[in-house]
Amino acid sequence: MSTPLTESQLLFRLQDFYGAEQDASKIGDHEFAQECADIVSVIREVQAWRQASANPVAWRCDSGSIANQRVVTVSSVVADSWVEKGMEVTPLYIKPQPRPIVPTFDEWLESRGSKPLGWVRDVMRESYEACRAAMLNGDKS
């Protein structure tokens, strides 16, 4: 699978194909103009999908303090009120959000070229694993 285009790459291509559509229309190449218009529509759809999927569609109360049940709401106002009351709230998305890539301790050591020994290595591992867990859990560890 190829790497997804960045937002700026999509915008550049959108401008490119929109301009090509306008130019093709001016010279009477309606078939090419329609192809460019179709590509512009696809790019706008991708942008809209990304924007929609980046925002939570619902929130789940995980603290169990509402009748000892997990409760879900689609209202950000309700979710905010749960947070204000000290409840643990998890945002829910249309698609899973990308997780950060954080190397394991051994991968990190290898990339740095470090070779600590004994207790120094143990202390480094413990510290690194704690930081790694915080990064992967969004500091909810």
N, C-alpha and C. Protein backbone atom coordinates (compact mmCIF):
# COMPACT_ATOMS: atom_id res chain seq x y z
N MET A 1 0.84 -1.18 0.00
CA MET A 1 0.00 0.00 0.00
C MET A 1 0.88 1.24 0.00
N SER A 2 0.51 2.21 -0.79
CA SER A 2 1.30 3.43 -0.85
C SER A 2 0.97 4.34 0.33
N THR A 3 1.85 5.29 0.56
CA THR A 3 1.65 6.25 1.64
C THR A 3 0.54 7.22 1.26
N PRO A 4 -0.41 7.49 2.17
CA PRO A 4 -1.48 8.44 1.86
C PRO A 4 -0.92 9.84 1.59
N LEU A 5 -1.58 10.56 0.72
CA LEU A 5 -1.17 11.93 0.42
C LEU A 5 -1.44 12.82 1.63
N THR A 6 -0.56 13.77 1.84
CA THR A 6 -0.78 14.74 2.91
C THR A 6 -1.87 15.71 2.48
N GLU A 7 -2.36 16.49 3.42
CA GLU A 7 -3.40 17.48 3.10
C GLU A 7 -2.88 18.50 2.09
N SER A 8 -1.61 18.91 2.24
CA SER A 8 -1.06 19.90 1.29
C SER A 8 -0.89 19.28 -0.10
N GLN A 9 -0.54 18.00 -0.17
CA GLN A 9 -0.44 17.34 -1.47
C GLN A 9 -1.81 17.24 -2.14
N LEU A 10 -2.84 16.93 -1.34
CA LEU A 10 -4.20 16.89 -1.89
C LEU A 10 -4.62 18.26 -2.40
N LEU A 11 -4.33 19.29 -1.63
CA LEU A 11 -4.69 20.65 -2.03
C LEU A 11 -3.99 21.05 -3.32
N PHE A 12 -2.71 20.70 -3.44
CA PHE A 12 -1.94 21.00 -4.65
C PHE A 12 -2.58 20.31 -5.86
N ARG A 13 -2.91 19.03 -5.70
CA ARG A 13 -3.53 18.29 -6.80
C ARG A 13 -4.93 18.83 -7.13
N LEU A 14 -5.65 19.23 -6.11
CA LEU A 14 -6.98 19.82 -6.31
C LEU A 14 -6.86 21.07 -7.18
N GLN A 15 -5.92 21.94 -6.84
CA GLN A 15 -5.72 23.16 -7.61
C GLN A 15 -5.28 22.84 -9.04
N ASP A 16 -4.39 21.85 -9.15
CA ASP A 16 -3.89 21.43 -10.46
C ASP A 16 -5.02 20.96 -11.37
N PHE A 17 -5.83 20.04 -10.87
CA PHE A 17 -6.90 19.48 -11.69
C PHE A 17 -8.04 20.47 -11.92
N TYR A 18 -8.28 21.33 -10.96
CA TYR A 18 -9.30 22.36 -11.15
C TYR A 18 -8.87 23.31 -12.27
N GLY A 19 -7.60 23.71 -12.24
CA GLY A 19 -7.06 24.57 -13.30
C GLY A 19 -7.09 23.88 -14.66
N ALA A 20 -6.74 22.59 -14.68
CA ALA A 20 -6.76 21.84 -15.94
C ALA A 20 -8.18 21.73 -16.47
N GLU A 21 -9.14 21.55 -15.57
CA GLU A 21 -10.56 21.49 -15.98
C GLU A 21 -10.97 22.80 -16.64
N GLN A 22 -10.60 23.93 -16.03
CA GLN A 22 -10.94 25.24 -16.58
C GLN A 22 -10.29 25.44 -17.95
N ASP A 23 -9.01 25.09 -18.06
CA ASP A 23 -8.30 25.25 -19.33
C ASP A 23 -8.91 24.37 -20.43
N ALA A 24 -9.23 23.13 -20.08
CA ALA A 24 -9.82 22.21 -21.07
C ALA A 24 -11.18 22.71 -21.54
N SER A 25 -11.95 23.28 -20.63
CA SER A 25 -13.26 23.82 -21.00
C SER A 25 -13.11 24.99 -21.97
N LYS A 26 -12.10 25.83 -21.74
CA LYS A 26 -11.88 27.00 -22.59
C LYS A 26 -11.55 26.61 -24.03
N ILE A 27 -10.81 25.49 -24.19
CA ILE A 27 -10.42 25.09 -25.55
C ILE A 27 -11.39 24.07 -26.15
N GLY A 28 -12.45 23.74 -25.41
CA GLY A 28 -13.48 22.86 -25.95
C GLY A 28 -13.22 21.37 -25.78
N ASP A 29 -12.23 21.00 -24.97
CA ASP A 29 -11.96 19.57 -24.72
C ASP A 29 -12.82 19.12 -23.54
N HIS A 30 -14.09 18.90 -23.82
CA HIS A 30 -15.06 18.62 -22.76
C HIS A 30 -14.84 17.26 -22.09
N GLU A 31 -14.32 16.30 -22.84
CA GLU A 31 -14.06 14.98 -22.24
C GLU A 31 -12.98 15.08 -21.17
N PHE A 32 -11.88 15.76 -21.50
CA PHE A 32 -10.81 15.93 -20.51
C PHE A 32 -11.27 16.80 -19.35
N ALA A 33 -12.06 17.82 -19.66
CA ALA A 33 -12.59 18.69 -18.60
C ALA A 33 -13.43 17.88 -17.63
N GLN A 34 -14.24 16.95 -18.14
CA GLN A 34 -15.07 16.12 -17.27
C GLN A 34 -14.21 15.18 -16.42
N GLU A 35 -13.15 14.62 -17.02
CA GLU A 35 -12.25 13.76 -16.25
C GLU A 35 -11.61 14.54 -15.11
N CYS A 36 -11.18 15.75 -15.40
CA CYS A 36 -10.58 16.60 -14.35
C CYS A 36 -11.60 16.95 -13.28
N ALA A 37 -12.83 17.24 -13.70
CA ALA A 37 -13.90 17.56 -12.74
C ALA A 37 -14.17 16.36 -11.83
N ASP A 38 -14.14 15.15 -12.41
CA ASP A 38 -14.34 13.94 -11.61
C ASP A 38 -13.23 13.78 -10.57
N ILE A 39 -12.00 14.04 -10.98
CA ILE A 39 -10.87 13.92 -10.05
C ILE A 39 -10.98 14.98 -8.95
N VAL A 40 -11.39 16.18 -9.31
CA VAL A 40 -11.60 17.24 -8.31
C VAL A 40 -12.65 16.78 -7.30
N SER A 41 -13.72 16.17 -7.78
CA SER A 41 -14.77 15.67 -6.87
C SER A 41 -14.24 14.59 -5.93
N VAL A 42 -13.42 13.70 -6.46
CA VAL A 42 -12.84 12.63 -5.64
C VAL A 42 -11.94 13.23 -4.56
N ILE A 43 -11.11 14.19 -4.94
CA ILE A 43 -10.21 14.82 -3.97
C ILE A 43 -11.01 15.52 -2.87
N ARG A 44 -12.07 16.22 -3.25
CA ARG A 44 -12.91 16.90 -2.24
C ARG A 44 -13.59 15.88 -1.33
N GLU A 45 -13.98 14.75 -1.89
CA GLU A 45 -14.60 13.70 -1.08
C GLU A 45 -13.59 13.12 -0.08
N VAL A 46 -12.36 12.92 -0.52
CA VAL A 46 -11.30 12.43 0.38
C VAL A 46 -11.06 13.43 1.49
N GLN A 47 -11.00 14.71 1.15
CA GLN A 47 -10.80 15.74 2.17
C GLN A 47 -11.94 15.74 3.18
N ALA A 48 -13.17 15.64 2.69
CA ALA A 48 -14.33 15.63 3.58
C ALA A 48 -14.31 14.39 4.48
N TRP A 49 -13.95 13.24 3.92
CA TRP A 49 -13.88 12.00 4.71
C TRP A 49 -12.83 12.13 5.81
N ARG A 50 -11.67 12.65 5.45
CA ARG A 50 -10.61 12.81 6.45
C ARG A 50 -11.05 13.74 7.57
N GLN A 51 -11.70 14.83 7.21
CA GLN A 51 -12.13 15.78 8.23
C GLN A 51 -13.19 15.15 9.13
N ALA A 52 -14.13 14.44 8.53
CA ALA A 52 -15.19 13.81 9.33
C ALA A 52 -14.64 12.71 10.22
N SER A 53 -13.70 11.93 9.71
CA SER A 53 -13.19 10.81 10.50
C SER A 53 -12.17 11.24 11.54
N ALA A 54 -11.72 12.49 11.48
CA ALA A 54 -10.77 12.98 12.48
C ALA A 54 -11.47 13.42 13.75
N ASN A 55 -12.78 13.63 13.68
CA ASN A 55 -13.54 14.08 14.84
C ASN A 55 -14.34 12.93 15.44
N PRO A 56 -14.45 12.90 16.75
CA PRO A 56 -15.25 11.83 17.38
C PRO A 56 -16.71 11.91 16.93
N VAL A 57 -17.33 10.74 16.78
CA VAL A 57 -18.76 10.69 16.45
C VAL A 57 -19.59 10.42 17.70
N ALA A 58 -18.92 9.96 18.76
CA ALA A 58 -19.60 9.67 20.03
C ALA A 58 -18.55 9.60 21.12
N TRP A 59 -19.01 9.54 22.37
CA TRP A 59 -18.12 9.43 23.52
C TRP A 59 -18.68 8.37 24.46
N ARG A 60 -17.77 7.59 25.05
CA ARG A 60 -18.17 6.53 25.98
C ARG A 60 -17.67 6.87 27.37
N CYS A 61 -18.55 6.77 28.35
CA CYS A 61 -18.18 6.99 29.74
C CYS A 61 -17.68 5.66 30.29
N ASP A 62 -16.40 5.61 30.65
CA ASP A 62 -15.78 4.37 31.10
C ASP A 62 -15.68 4.23 32.61
N SER A 63 -16.04 5.26 33.33
CA SER A 63 -15.82 5.22 34.78
C SER A 63 -16.85 4.39 35.52
N GLY A 64 -17.92 3.99 34.87
CA GLY A 64 -18.91 3.12 35.49
C GLY A 64 -19.74 3.78 36.56
N SER A 65 -19.69 5.11 36.63
CA SER A 65 -20.42 5.78 37.69
C SER A 65 -21.85 6.14 37.29
N ILE A 66 -22.25 5.77 36.09
CA ILE A 66 -23.63 6.00 35.67
C ILE A 66 -24.34 4.65 35.73
N ALA A 67 -24.97 4.38 36.85
CA ALA A 67 -25.70 3.12 37.08
C ALA A 67 -24.82 1.90 36.81
N ASN A 68 -23.52 2.03 37.10
CA ASN A 68 -22.56 0.95 36.91
C ASN A 68 -22.57 0.38 35.49
N GLN A 69 -22.87 1.20 34.53
CA GLN A 69 -22.91 0.78 33.13
C GLN A 69 -22.03 1.71 32.30
N ARG A 70 -21.53 1.17 31.19
CA ARG A 70 -20.88 2.04 30.22
C ARG A 70 -21.97 2.71 29.41
N VAL A 71 -21.88 4.01 29.30
CA VAL A 71 -22.90 4.78 28.60
C VAL A 71 -22.24 5.52 27.45
N VAL A 72 -22.95 5.61 26.32
CA VAL A 72 -22.44 6.30 25.14
C VAL A 72 -23.36 7.47 24.81
N THR A 73 -22.74 8.58 24.41
CA THR A 73 -23.51 9.74 23.96
C THR A 73 -22.95 10.24 22.64
N VAL A 74 -23.79 10.88 21.85
CA VAL A 74 -23.34 11.52 20.63
C VAL A 74 -23.23 13.03 20.82
N SER A 75 -23.49 13.49 22.02
CA SER A 75 -23.44 14.92 22.33
C SER A 75 -22.12 15.29 22.99
N SER A 76 -21.39 16.20 22.36
CA SER A 76 -20.13 16.65 22.95
C SER A 76 -20.39 17.41 24.25
N VAL A 77 -21.54 18.05 24.36
CA VAL A 77 -21.90 18.78 25.58
C VAL A 77 -22.02 17.81 26.75
N VAL A 78 -22.69 16.68 26.52
CA VAL A 78 -22.84 15.66 27.57
C VAL A 78 -21.47 15.09 27.92
N ALA A 79 -20.66 14.79 26.91
CA ALA A 79 -19.32 14.25 27.16
C ALA A 79 -18.49 15.23 27.98
N ASP A 80 -18.57 16.51 27.65
CA ASP A 80 -17.83 17.52 28.41
C ASP A 80 -18.31 17.58 29.86
N SER A 81 -19.61 17.41 30.06
CA SER A 81 -20.13 17.44 31.44
C SER A 81 -19.62 16.23 32.23
N TRP A 82 -19.48 15.08 31.56
CA TRP A 82 -18.92 13.90 32.23
C TRP A 82 -17.48 14.17 32.65
N VAL A 83 -16.71 14.78 31.74
CA VAL A 83 -15.31 15.08 32.05
C VAL A 83 -15.24 16.05 33.22
N GLU A 84 -16.10 17.08 33.23
CA GLU A 84 -16.12 18.05 34.33
C GLU A 84 -16.44 17.39 35.66
N LYS A 85 -17.20 16.31 35.62
CA LYS A 85 -17.55 15.57 36.85
C LYS A 85 -16.47 14.57 37.24
N GLY A 86 -15.38 14.54 36.47
CA GLY A 86 -14.27 13.66 36.81
C GLY A 86 -14.39 12.25 36.26
N MET A 87 -15.32 12.03 35.37
CA MET A 87 -15.49 10.71 34.79
C MET A 87 -14.49 10.50 33.66
N GLU A 88 -14.11 9.24 33.46
CA GLU A 88 -13.20 8.90 32.37
C GLU A 88 -14.02 8.72 31.10
N VAL A 89 -13.67 9.50 30.07
CA VAL A 89 -14.44 9.50 28.82
C VAL A 89 -13.52 9.15 27.66
N THR A 90 -13.98 8.24 26.80
CA THR A 90 -13.23 7.82 25.63
C THR A 90 -13.94 8.30 24.37
N PRO A 91 -13.25 9.09 23.52
CA PRO A 91 -13.88 9.49 22.26
C PRO A 91 -13.93 8.29 21.30
N LEU A 92 -15.00 8.19 20.54
CA LEU A 92 -15.17 7.11 19.57
C LEU A 92 -15.18 7.71 18.17
N TYR A 93 -14.46 7.07 17.26
CA TYR A 93 -14.29 7.59 15.91
C TYR A 93 -14.90 6.64 14.88
N ILE A 94 -15.11 7.17 13.67
CA ILE A 94 -15.61 6.35 12.57
C ILE A 94 -14.63 5.23 12.27
N LYS A 95 -13.35 5.56 12.28
CA LYS A 95 -12.32 4.56 12.01
C LYS A 95 -11.28 4.68 13.11
N PRO A 96 -10.51 3.62 13.33
CA PRO A 96 -9.47 3.70 14.36
C PRO A 96 -8.47 4.81 14.04
N GLN A 97 -8.08 5.54 15.06
CA GLN A 97 -7.11 6.60 14.88
C GLN A 97 -5.71 5.99 14.83
N PRO A 98 -4.84 6.57 14.02
CA PRO A 98 -3.49 6.02 13.92
C PRO A 98 -2.77 6.10 15.26
N ARG A 99 -2.07 5.04 15.57
CA ARG A 99 -1.29 5.02 16.81
C ARG A 99 0.12 5.49 16.50
N PRO A 100 0.74 6.17 17.43
CA PRO A 100 2.12 6.60 17.19
C PRO A 100 3.04 5.39 17.10
N ILE A 101 4.05 5.52 16.28
CA ILE A 101 5.04 4.45 16.16
C ILE A 101 6.16 4.77 17.14
N VAL A 102 6.29 3.93 18.13
CA VAL A 102 7.31 4.12 19.15
C VAL A 102 8.13 2.84 19.22
N PRO A 103 9.42 2.92 18.93
CA PRO A 103 10.22 1.69 18.92
C PRO A 103 10.34 1.06 20.31
N THR A 104 10.59 -0.24 20.31
CA THR A 104 10.84 -0.93 21.57
C THR A 104 12.18 -0.45 22.12
N PHE A 105 12.46 -0.80 23.36
CA PHE A 105 13.72 -0.39 23.99
C PHE A 105 14.91 -0.90 23.18
N ASP A 106 14.88 -2.17 22.78
CA ASP A 106 16.00 -2.75 22.04
C ASP A 106 16.18 -2.08 20.67
N GLU A 107 15.07 -1.77 20.00
CA GLU A 107 15.15 -1.07 18.71
C GLU A 107 15.74 0.33 18.91
N TRP A 108 15.31 0.99 19.97
CA TRP A 108 15.80 2.33 20.26
C TRP A 108 17.31 2.31 20.54
N LEU A 109 17.74 1.34 21.36
CA LEU A 109 19.17 1.23 21.67
C LEU A 109 19.98 0.98 20.41
N GLU A 110 19.49 0.08 19.57
CA GLU A 110 20.20 -0.24 18.34
C GLU A 110 20.32 0.98 17.43
N SER A 111 19.25 1.76 17.33
CA SER A 111 19.28 2.95 16.47
C SER A 111 20.26 4.00 16.99
N ARG A 112 20.47 4.03 18.29
CA ARG A 112 21.39 4.99 18.89
C ARG A 112 22.83 4.49 18.91
N GLY A 113 22.99 3.18 18.73
CA GLY A 113 24.32 2.59 18.80
C GLY A 113 24.82 2.45 20.22
N SER A 114 23.92 2.52 21.20
CA SER A 114 24.30 2.40 22.62
C SER A 114 24.33 0.93 23.04
N LYS A 115 25.26 0.63 23.97
CA LYS A 115 25.35 -0.73 24.50
C LYS A 115 25.60 -0.69 26.00
N PRO A 116 24.62 -0.17 26.77
CA PRO A 116 24.82 -0.13 28.22
C PRO A 116 24.78 -1.54 28.81
N LEU A 117 25.43 -1.70 29.95
CA LEU A 117 25.50 -3.02 30.59
C LEU A 117 24.92 -2.99 31.99
N GLY A 118 24.54 -4.17 32.47
CA GLY A 118 24.14 -4.36 33.86
C GLY A 118 22.98 -3.50 34.30
N TRP A 119 23.15 -2.95 35.52
CA TRP A 119 22.06 -2.19 36.13
C TRP A 119 21.74 -0.92 35.35
N VAL A 120 22.72 -0.36 34.64
CA VAL A 120 22.47 0.85 33.84
C VAL A 120 21.45 0.53 32.74
N ARG A 121 21.65 -0.62 32.10
CA ARG A 121 20.71 -1.05 31.06
C ARG A 121 19.32 -1.27 31.66
N ASP A 122 19.26 -1.89 32.84
CA ASP A 122 17.97 -2.16 33.49
C ASP A 122 17.23 -0.86 33.82
N VAL A 123 17.95 0.11 34.34
CA VAL A 123 17.33 1.40 34.68
C VAL A 123 16.88 2.12 33.41
N MET A 124 17.72 2.08 32.39
CA MET A 124 17.35 2.71 31.12
C MET A 124 16.10 2.05 30.54
N ARG A 125 16.05 0.71 30.59
CA ARG A 125 14.90 -0.02 30.05
C ARG A 125 13.62 0.37 30.81
N GLU A 126 13.71 0.40 32.14
CA GLU A 126 12.54 0.73 32.95
C GLU A 126 12.03 2.14 32.62
N SER A 127 12.94 3.09 32.52
CA SER A 127 12.56 4.47 32.20
C SER A 127 11.97 4.57 30.80
N TYR A 128 12.63 3.91 29.85
CA TYR A 128 12.17 3.97 28.46
C TYR A 128 10.79 3.34 28.32
N GLU A 129 10.59 2.18 28.95
CA GLU A 129 9.30 1.49 28.84
C GLU A 129 8.17 2.33 29.46
N ALA A 130 8.46 3.05 30.54
CA ALA A 130 7.45 3.92 31.15
C ALA A 130 7.09 5.06 30.19
N CYS A 131 8.09 5.66 29.59
CA CYS A 131 7.85 6.74 28.62
C CYS A 131 7.12 6.21 27.39
N ARG A 132 7.52 5.04 26.92
CA ARG A 132 6.89 4.43 25.74
C ARG A 132 5.42 4.15 26.01
N ALA A 133 5.12 3.61 27.19
CA ALA A 133 3.73 3.31 27.55
C ALA A 133 2.90 4.60 27.58
N ALA A 134 3.48 5.66 28.12
CA ALA A 134 2.77 6.94 28.17
C ALA A 134 2.50 7.47 26.76
N MET A 135 3.49 7.33 25.87
CA MET A 135 3.30 7.80 24.49
C MET A 135 2.22 6.99 23.78
N LEU A 136 2.23 5.68 23.96
CA LEU A 136 1.26 4.82 23.27
C LEU A 136 -0.14 4.94 23.85
N ASN A 137 -0.24 5.27 25.13
CA ASN A 137 -1.55 5.37 25.77
C ASN A 137 -2.06 6.80 25.86
N GLY A 138 -1.39 7.72 25.21
CA GLY A 138 -1.81 9.11 25.30
C GLY A 138 -1.69 9.64 26.71
N ASP A 139 -0.70 9.17 27.43
CA ASP A 139 -0.43 9.55 28.82
C ASP A 139 -1.58 9.17 29.75
N LYS A 140 -2.29 8.06 29.44
CA LYS A 140 -3.35 7.56 30.32
C LYS A 140 -2.89 6.29 31.04
N SER A 141 -1.58 6.14 31.19
CA SER A 141 -1.06 4.92 31.82
C SER A 141 -1.01 5.05 33.32
